[in-house]
Amino acid sequence: MHIPEGFLTGEAAALGWATAVVGVGVCLRGASRTARERDLPVAGLATAFFVVGEAPAIPITIGTNAHLLGGALAVALLGPWLGGLTITTVCILSALLFGSGGITTLGATIMLLALVPAFVGYPLLVALRKPLPLPVAAGITAVVSVMVSAVLFVAVMTLGADHQIDRGTLAASILGPYAVVALIEGVITALLVRALLSIRPDLVRARRRPVPA
């Protein structure tokens, strides 16, 4: 879901960057207030894990691939602020080192992959963890986060496209495959959260009663 170079107008790319700068700024401020010392090594390991996790990518339409996103898992483990920053780092590394997405469109990519889980996914997770077991809540959050990102991707690529795009064809080619990705990511997220809760619950920031730092 990384947006390639040349697919957005200058105005759309600038709007994506403005949104990303504001959102990442909020995450930086929040992380400075809430991050624990033990979270920083986990964030580093999570970044490496998510970079590798995004590698298996299946081309689904011109300019983009289907791949796991990892945002819901990041915010479940690290909280919305550090989790959002972790996925932002993954987006930057993917663009600079592996050519996944463009530089001018990087702001929009960060908005889709990092800010959606932080600002949409985490509040949903907090709401769902009250009536549901946390692994189930995290899995549902992953499904919703992926689909929200997919819908926004279609909106960005159609409304901000630098050239004419068939909206129906794009929507079908993105939403169908990402519905499958969402289900896979939901299961993986639920299983990983469940495993960590059984062996290292202190690493899961989304626990209702966090372990003190």
C-alpha atoms as a PDB file:
ATOM      1  CA  MET A   1       0.000   0.000   0.000  1.00  0.00           C
ATOM      2  CA  HIS A   2       3.026   2.251  -0.451  1.00  0.00           C
ATOM      3  CA  ILE A   3       2.222   4.966  -3.011  1.00  0.00           C
ATOM      4  CA  PRO A   4       4.790   5.142  -5.833  1.00  0.00           C
ATOM      5  CA  GLU A   5       6.430   8.287  -7.159  1.00  0.00           C
ATOM      6  CA  GLY A   6       4.473  10.201  -9.781  1.00  0.00           C
ATOM      7  CA  PHE A   7       1.031   8.807  -8.938  1.00  0.00           C
ATOM      8  CA  LEU A   8      -0.220  11.868  -7.011  1.00  0.00           C
ATOM      9  CA  THR A   9      -0.544  15.516  -7.939  1.00  0.00           C
ATOM     10  CA  GLY A  10       1.743  17.975  -6.197  1.00  0.00           C
ATOM     11  CA  GLU A  11      -1.171  19.266  -4.127  1.00  0.00           C
ATOM     12  CA  ALA A  12      -2.183  15.767  -2.982  1.00  0.00           C
ATOM     13  CA  ALA A  13       1.407  14.869  -2.119  1.00  0.00           C
ATOM     14  CA  ALA A  14       1.798  18.121  -0.155  1.00  0.00           C
ATOM     15  CA  LEU A  15      -1.437  17.442   1.743  1.00  0.00           C
ATOM     16  CA  GLY A  16      -0.174  13.959   2.576  1.00  0.00           C
ATOM     17  CA  TRP A  17       3.084  15.411   3.910  1.00  0.00           C
ATOM     18  CA  ALA A  18       1.238  18.027   5.971  1.00  0.00           C
ATOM     19  CA  THR A  19      -0.971  15.345   7.518  1.00  0.00           C
ATOM     20  CA  ALA A  20       2.027  13.136   8.226  1.00  0.00           C
ATOM     21  CA  VAL A  21       4.046  15.950   9.824  1.00  0.00           C
ATOM     22  CA  VAL A  22       1.191  16.879  12.151  1.00  0.00           C
ATOM     23  CA  GLY A  23       0.407  13.252  13.016  1.00  0.00           C
ATOM     24  CA  VAL A  24       4.024  12.265  13.595  1.00  0.00           C
ATOM     25  CA  GLY A  25       4.500  15.403  15.675  1.00  0.00           C
ATOM     26  CA  VAL A  26       1.620  14.334  17.924  1.00  0.00           C
ATOM     27  CA  CYS A  27       3.141  10.845  18.179  1.00  0.00           C
ATOM     28  CA  LEU A  28       6.553  12.273  19.104  1.00  0.00           C
ATOM     29  CA  ARG A  29       5.044  14.416  21.817  1.00  0.00           C
ATOM     30  CA  GLY A  30       2.964  11.542  23.153  1.00  0.00           C
ATOM     31  CA  ALA A  31       5.890   9.109  23.083  1.00  0.00           C
ATOM     32  CA  SER A  32       8.106  11.541  24.991  1.00  0.00           C
ATOM     33  CA  ARG A  33       5.531  11.540  27.804  1.00  0.00           C
ATOM     34  CA  THR A  34       4.541   7.881  27.908  1.00  0.00           C
ATOM     35  CA  ALA A  35       7.345   5.701  26.510  1.00  0.00           C
ATOM     36  CA  ARG A  36       9.094   3.445  29.007  1.00  0.00           C
ATOM     37  CA  GLU A  37      12.792   2.628  28.796  1.00  0.00           C
ATOM     38  CA  ARG A  38      11.964  -1.020  28.160  1.00  0.00           C
ATOM     39  CA  ASP A  39       9.853  -0.033  25.122  1.00  0.00           C
ATOM     40  CA  LEU A  40      12.765   1.328  23.092  1.00  0.00           C
ATOM     41  CA  PRO A  41      14.533  -2.008  22.404  1.00  0.00           C
ATOM     42  CA  VAL A  42      11.127  -3.533  21.622  1.00  0.00           C
ATOM     43  CA  ALA A  43      10.466  -0.701  19.149  1.00  0.00           C
ATOM     44  CA  GLY A  44      13.783  -1.409  17.441  1.00  0.00           C
ATOM     45  CA  LEU A  45      13.069  -5.122  17.188  1.00  0.00           C
ATOM     46  CA  ALA A  46       9.522  -4.408  16.019  1.00  0.00           C
ATOM     47  CA  THR A  47      10.830  -2.131  13.270  1.00  0.00           C
ATOM     48  CA  ALA A  48      13.095  -4.895  11.952  1.00  0.00           C
ATOM     49  CA  PHE A  49      10.261  -7.426  12.257  1.00  0.00           C
ATOM     50  CA  PHE A  50       7.791  -5.266  10.337  1.00  0.00           C
ATOM     51  CA  VAL A  51      10.308  -4.417   7.595  1.00  0.00           C
ATOM     52  CA  VAL A  52      10.825  -8.144   7.046  1.00  0.00           C
ATOM     53  CA  GLY A  53       7.101  -8.853   7.457  1.00  0.00           C
ATOM     54  CA  GLU A  54       6.230  -6.463   4.635  1.00  0.00           C
ATOM     55  CA  ALA A  55       8.687  -8.127   2.259  1.00  0.00           C
ATOM     56  CA  PRO A  56       6.341 -10.841   0.934  1.00  0.00           C
ATOM     57  CA  ALA A  57       4.352  -8.600  -1.432  1.00  0.00           C
ATOM     58  CA  ILE A  58       1.954  -9.652  -4.173  1.00  0.00           C
ATOM     59  CA  PRO A  59       1.384  -7.217  -7.089  1.00  0.00           C
ATOM     60  CA  ILE A  60      -2.344  -6.456  -7.311  1.00  0.00           C
ATOM     61  CA  THR A  61      -2.579  -3.390  -9.545  1.00  0.00           C
ATOM     62  CA  ILE A  62      -0.335  -0.853 -11.243  1.00  0.00           C
ATOM     63  CA  GLY A  63       1.997   0.724  -8.710  1.00  0.00           C
ATOM     64  CA  THR A  64       1.157  -1.193  -5.558  1.00  0.00           C
ATOM     65  CA  ASN A  65       1.290  -4.583  -3.864  1.00  0.00           C
ATOM     66  CA  ALA A  66      -0.652  -6.461  -1.222  1.00  0.00           C
ATOM     67  CA  HIS A  67       1.337  -7.077   1.972  1.00  0.00           C
ATOM     68  CA  LEU A  68       0.917  -7.280   5.732  1.00  0.00           C
ATOM     69  CA  LEU A  69       0.791  -3.855   7.421  1.00  0.00           C
ATOM     70  CA  GLY A  70       1.495  -4.543  11.110  1.00  0.00           C
ATOM     71  CA  GLY A  71       0.153  -1.258  12.467  1.00  0.00           C
ATOM     72  CA  ALA A  72      -2.397  -2.751  14.863  1.00  0.00           C
ATOM     73  CA  LEU A  73       0.199  -5.092  16.358  1.00  0.00           C
ATOM     74  CA  ALA A  74       2.616  -2.182  16.772  1.00  0.00           C
ATOM     75  CA  VAL A  75       0.149  -0.035  18.705  1.00  0.00           C
ATOM     76  CA  ALA A  76      -0.980  -3.022  20.802  1.00  0.00           C
ATOM     77  CA  LEU A  77       2.600  -3.678  21.895  1.00  0.00           C
ATOM     78  CA  LEU A  78       3.940  -0.136  22.087  1.00  0.00           C
ATOM     79  CA  GLY A  79       0.916   2.122  22.493  1.00  0.00           C
ATOM     80  CA  PRO A  80      -0.408   4.542  19.868  1.00  0.00           C
ATOM     81  CA  TRP A  81       2.467   7.017  19.942  1.00  0.00           C
ATOM     82  CA  LEU A  82       5.552   4.810  19.872  1.00  0.00           C
ATOM     83  CA  GLY A  83       3.676   2.280  17.741  1.00  0.00           C
ATOM     84  CA  GLY A  84       2.862   4.979  15.195  1.00  0.00           C
ATOM     85  CA  LEU A  85       6.489   6.125  15.173  1.00  0.00           C
ATOM     86  CA  THR A  86       7.672   2.551  14.676  1.00  0.00           C
ATOM     87  CA  ILE A  87       5.540   2.097  11.546  1.00  0.00           C
ATOM     88  CA  THR A  88       6.610   5.565  10.345  1.00  0.00           C
ATOM     89  CA  THR A  89      10.225   4.374  10.572  1.00  0.00           C
ATOM     90  CA  VAL A  90       9.296   1.241   8.633  1.00  0.00           C
ATOM     91  CA  CYS A  91       7.720   3.382   5.888  1.00  0.00           C
ATOM     92  CA  ILE A  92      10.837   5.559   5.640  1.00  0.00           C
ATOM     93  CA  LEU A  93      13.219   2.587   5.537  1.00  0.00           C
ATOM     94  CA  SER A  94      11.072   0.807   2.958  1.00  0.00           C
ATOM     95  CA  ALA A  95      11.086   3.877   0.696  1.00  0.00           C
ATOM     96  CA  LEU A  96      14.789   4.708   1.060  1.00  0.00           C
ATOM     97  CA  LEU A  97      16.277   1.216   1.103  1.00  0.00           C
ATOM     98  CA  PHE A  98      13.868  -0.938  -0.868  1.00  0.00           C
ATOM     99  CA  GLY A  99      12.077   1.493  -3.162  1.00  0.00           C
ATOM    100  CA  SER A 100       8.649   0.693  -1.690  1.00  0.00           C
ATOM    101  CA  GLY A 101       6.785   3.896  -2.437  1.00  0.00           C
ATOM    102  CA  GLY A 102       8.069   7.292  -3.469  1.00  0.00           C
ATOM    103  CA  ILE A 103       9.667  10.120  -1.517  1.00  0.00           C
ATOM    104  CA  THR A 104       7.201  12.836  -2.537  1.00  0.00           C
ATOM    105  CA  THR A 105       4.337  10.480  -1.675  1.00  0.00           C
ATOM    106  CA  LEU A 106       5.906   9.265   1.572  1.00  0.00           C
ATOM    107  CA  GLY A 107       3.688  11.548   3.648  1.00  0.00           C
ATOM    108  CA  ALA A 108       0.547   9.912   2.283  1.00  0.00           C
ATOM    109  CA  THR A 109       2.048   6.471   2.841  1.00  0.00           C
ATOM    110  CA  ILE A 110       2.815   7.325   6.482  1.00  0.00           C
ATOM    111  CA  MET A 111      -0.734   8.589   6.909  1.00  0.00           C
ATOM    112  CA  LEU A 112      -2.178   5.320   5.591  1.00  0.00           C
ATOM    113  CA  LEU A 113       0.117   2.832   7.324  1.00  0.00           C
ATOM    114  CA  ALA A 114       1.202   4.541  10.558  1.00  0.00           C
ATOM    115  CA  LEU A 115      -1.371   7.163  11.512  1.00  0.00           C
ATOM    116  CA  VAL A 116      -4.487   5.075  10.866  1.00  0.00           C
ATOM    117  CA  PRO A 117      -3.456   2.438  13.451  1.00  0.00           C
ATOM    118  CA  ALA A 118      -2.382   5.128  15.938  1.00  0.00           C
ATOM    119  CA  PHE A 119      -5.421   7.394  15.676  1.00  0.00           C
ATOM    120  CA  VAL A 120      -8.145   4.957  14.571  1.00  0.00           C
ATOM    121  CA  GLY A 121      -6.910   1.509  15.562  1.00  0.00           C
ATOM    122  CA  TYR A 122      -5.787   2.179  19.119  1.00  0.00           C
ATOM    123  CA  PRO A 123      -8.996   3.905  20.283  1.00  0.00           C
ATOM    124  CA  LEU A 124     -10.915   0.973  18.788  1.00  0.00           C
ATOM    125  CA  LEU A 125      -8.644  -1.474  20.634  1.00  0.00           C
ATOM    126  CA  VAL A 126      -9.220   0.351  23.922  1.00  0.00           C
ATOM    127  CA  ALA A 127     -12.979   0.175  23.379  1.00  0.00           C
ATOM    128  CA  LEU A 128     -12.979  -3.516  22.379  1.00  0.00           C
ATOM    129  CA  ARG A 129     -10.707  -4.726  25.186  1.00  0.00           C
ATOM    130  CA  LYS A 130     -13.464  -4.015  27.733  1.00  0.00           C
ATOM    131  CA  PRO A 131     -16.002  -6.598  26.509  1.00  0.00           C
ATOM    132  CA  LEU A 132     -13.512  -8.900  24.720  1.00  0.00           C
ATOM    133  CA  PRO A 133     -10.260 -10.722  25.519  1.00  0.00           C
ATOM    134  CA  LEU A 134      -7.338  -8.554  24.436  1.00  0.00           C
ATOM    135  CA  PRO A 135      -6.076 -10.949  21.708  1.00  0.00           C
ATOM    136  CA  VAL A 136      -9.538 -10.992  20.107  1.00  0.00           C
ATOM    137  CA  ALA A 137      -9.798  -7.204  20.410  1.00  0.00           C
ATOM    138  CA  ALA A 138      -6.359  -6.819  18.811  1.00  0.00           C
ATOM    139  CA  GLY A 139      -7.291  -9.151  15.961  1.00  0.00           C
ATOM    140  CA  ILE A 140     -10.488  -7.226  15.214  1.00  0.00           C
ATOM    141  CA  THR A 141      -8.557  -3.964  15.419  1.00  0.00           C
ATOM    142  CA  ALA A 142      -6.075  -5.284  12.870  1.00  0.00           C
ATOM    143  CA  VAL A 143      -8.877  -6.207  10.455  1.00  0.00           C
ATOM    144  CA  VAL A 144     -10.546  -2.802  10.787  1.00  0.00           C
ATOM    145  CA  SER A 145      -7.257  -0.874  10.543  1.00  0.00           C
ATOM    146  CA  VAL A 146      -6.226  -2.643   7.349  1.00  0.00           C
ATOM    147  CA  MET A 147      -9.600  -2.037   5.721  1.00  0.00           C
ATOM    148  CA  VAL A 148      -9.698   1.639   6.762  1.00  0.00           C
ATOM    149  CA  SER A 149      -6.224   2.076   5.267  1.00  0.00           C
ATOM    150  CA  ALA A 150      -7.338   0.310   2.081  1.00  0.00           C
ATOM    151  CA  VAL A 151     -10.407   2.531   1.710  1.00  0.00           C
ATOM    152  CA  LEU A 152      -8.302   5.657   2.306  1.00  0.00           C
ATOM    153  CA  PHE A 153      -5.745   4.399  -0.217  1.00  0.00           C
ATOM    154  CA  VAL A 154      -8.454   4.153  -2.858  1.00  0.00           C
ATOM    155  CA  ALA A 155      -9.684   7.639  -1.951  1.00  0.00           C
ATOM    156  CA  VAL A 156      -6.195   9.156  -2.098  1.00  0.00           C
ATOM    157  CA  MET A 157      -5.317   7.428  -5.369  1.00  0.00           C
ATOM    158  CA  THR A 158      -8.549   8.474  -7.090  1.00  0.00           C
ATOM    159  CA  LEU A 159      -9.054  11.978  -5.709  1.00  0.00           C
ATOM    160  CA  GLY A 160      -5.371  12.915  -5.802  1.00  0.00           C
ATOM    161  CA  ALA A 161      -4.275  10.993  -8.890  1.00  0.00           C
ATOM    162  CA  ASP A 162      -1.990  12.744 -11.334  1.00  0.00           C
ATOM    163  CA  HIS A 163      -3.794  11.019 -14.212  1.00  0.00           C
ATOM    164  CA  GLN A 164      -7.188   9.452 -14.916  1.00  0.00           C
ATOM    165  CA  ILE A 165      -7.933   6.287 -12.920  1.00  0.00           C
ATOM    166  CA  ASP A 166     -10.961   4.009 -13.148  1.00  0.00           C
ATOM    167  CA  ARG A 167     -12.278   4.208  -9.577  1.00  0.00           C
ATOM    168  CA  GLY A 168     -14.322   1.034  -9.785  1.00  0.00           C
ATOM    169  CA  THR A 169     -11.445  -1.036 -11.104  1.00  0.00           C
ATOM    170  CA  LEU A 170      -9.024   0.376  -8.542  1.00  0.00           C
ATOM    171  CA  ALA A 171     -11.449  -0.179  -5.662  1.00  0.00           C
ATOM    172  CA  ALA A 172     -12.070  -3.780  -6.682  1.00  0.00           C
ATOM    173  CA  SER A 173      -8.367  -4.519  -7.158  1.00  0.00           C
ATOM    174  CA  ILE A 174      -7.459  -3.052  -3.751  1.00  0.00           C
ATOM    175  CA  LEU A 175     -10.373  -3.822  -1.437  1.00  0.00           C
ATOM    176  CA  GLY A 176     -10.755  -7.474  -2.437  1.00  0.00           C
ATOM    177  CA  PRO A 177      -7.138  -8.539  -1.863  1.00  0.00           C
ATOM    178  CA  TYR A 178      -6.827  -6.397   1.253  1.00  0.00           C
ATOM    179  CA  ALA A 179      -9.927  -8.007   2.742  1.00  0.00           C
ATOM    180  CA  VAL A 180      -7.929 -11.255   2.612  1.00  0.00           C
ATOM    181  CA  VAL A 181      -4.843  -9.494   4.008  1.00  0.00           C
ATOM    182  CA  ALA A 182      -6.979  -8.048   6.813  1.00  0.00           C
ATOM    183  CA  LEU A 183      -8.197 -11.491   7.868  1.00  0.00           C
ATOM    184  CA  ILE A 184      -4.672 -12.944   7.799  1.00  0.00           C
ATOM    185  CA  GLU A 185      -3.282  -9.993   9.720  1.00  0.00           C
ATOM    186  CA  GLY A 186      -6.111 -10.212  12.245  1.00  0.00           C
ATOM    187  CA  VAL A 187      -5.314 -13.861  12.994  1.00  0.00           C
ATOM    188  CA  ILE A 188      -1.553 -13.225  13.215  1.00  0.00           C
ATOM    189  CA  THR A 189      -2.039 -10.204  15.459  1.00  0.00           C
ATOM    190  CA  ALA A 190      -4.368 -12.092  17.807  1.00  0.00           C
ATOM    191  CA  LEU A 191      -1.997 -15.061  18.052  1.00  0.00           C
ATOM    192  CA  LEU A 192       1.091 -12.920  18.710  1.00  0.00           C
ATOM    193  CA  VAL A 193      -0.668 -10.824  21.352  1.00  0.00           C
ATOM    194  CA  ARG A 194      -1.960 -13.981  23.022  1.00  0.00           C
ATOM    195  CA  ALA A 195       1.516 -15.531  23.025  1.00  0.00           C
ATOM    196  CA  LEU A 196       3.131 -12.418  24.484  1.00  0.00           C
ATOM    197  CA  LEU A 197       0.489 -12.119  27.176  1.00  0.00           C
ATOM    198  CA  SER A 198       1.329 -15.644  28.301  1.00  0.00           C
ATOM    199  CA  ILE A 199       5.100 -15.196  28.436  1.00  0.00           C
ATOM    200  CA  ARG A 200       5.870 -11.451  28.629  1.00  0.00           C
ATOM    201  CA  PRO A 201       2.712  -9.483  29.476  1.00  0.00           C
ATOM    202  CA  ASP A 202       4.848  -6.474  30.415  1.00  0.00           C
ATOM    203  CA  LEU A 203       5.639  -5.992  26.710  1.00  0.00           C
ATOM    204  CA  VAL A 204       1.986  -5.440  25.765  1.00  0.00           C
ATOM    205  CA  ARG A 205       1.112  -1.804  26.423  1.00  0.00           C
ATOM    206  CA  ALA A 206      -2.537  -2.342  25.546  1.00  0.00           C
ATOM    207  CA  ARG A 207      -3.145  -4.463  28.652  1.00  0.00           C
ATOM    208  CA  ARG A 208      -5.965  -3.085  30.782  1.00  0.00           C
ATOM    209  CA  ARG A 209      -3.707  -3.133  33.845  1.00  0.00           C
ATOM    210  CA  PRO A 210      -0.202  -2.382  32.535  1.00  0.00           C
ATOM    211  CA  VAL A 211       2.782  -3.717  34.417  1.00  0.00           C
ATOM    212  CA  PRO A 212       4.539  -0.725  36.081  1.00  0.00           C
ATOM    213  CA  ALA A 213       7.720   0.510  34.418  1.00  0.00           C
END
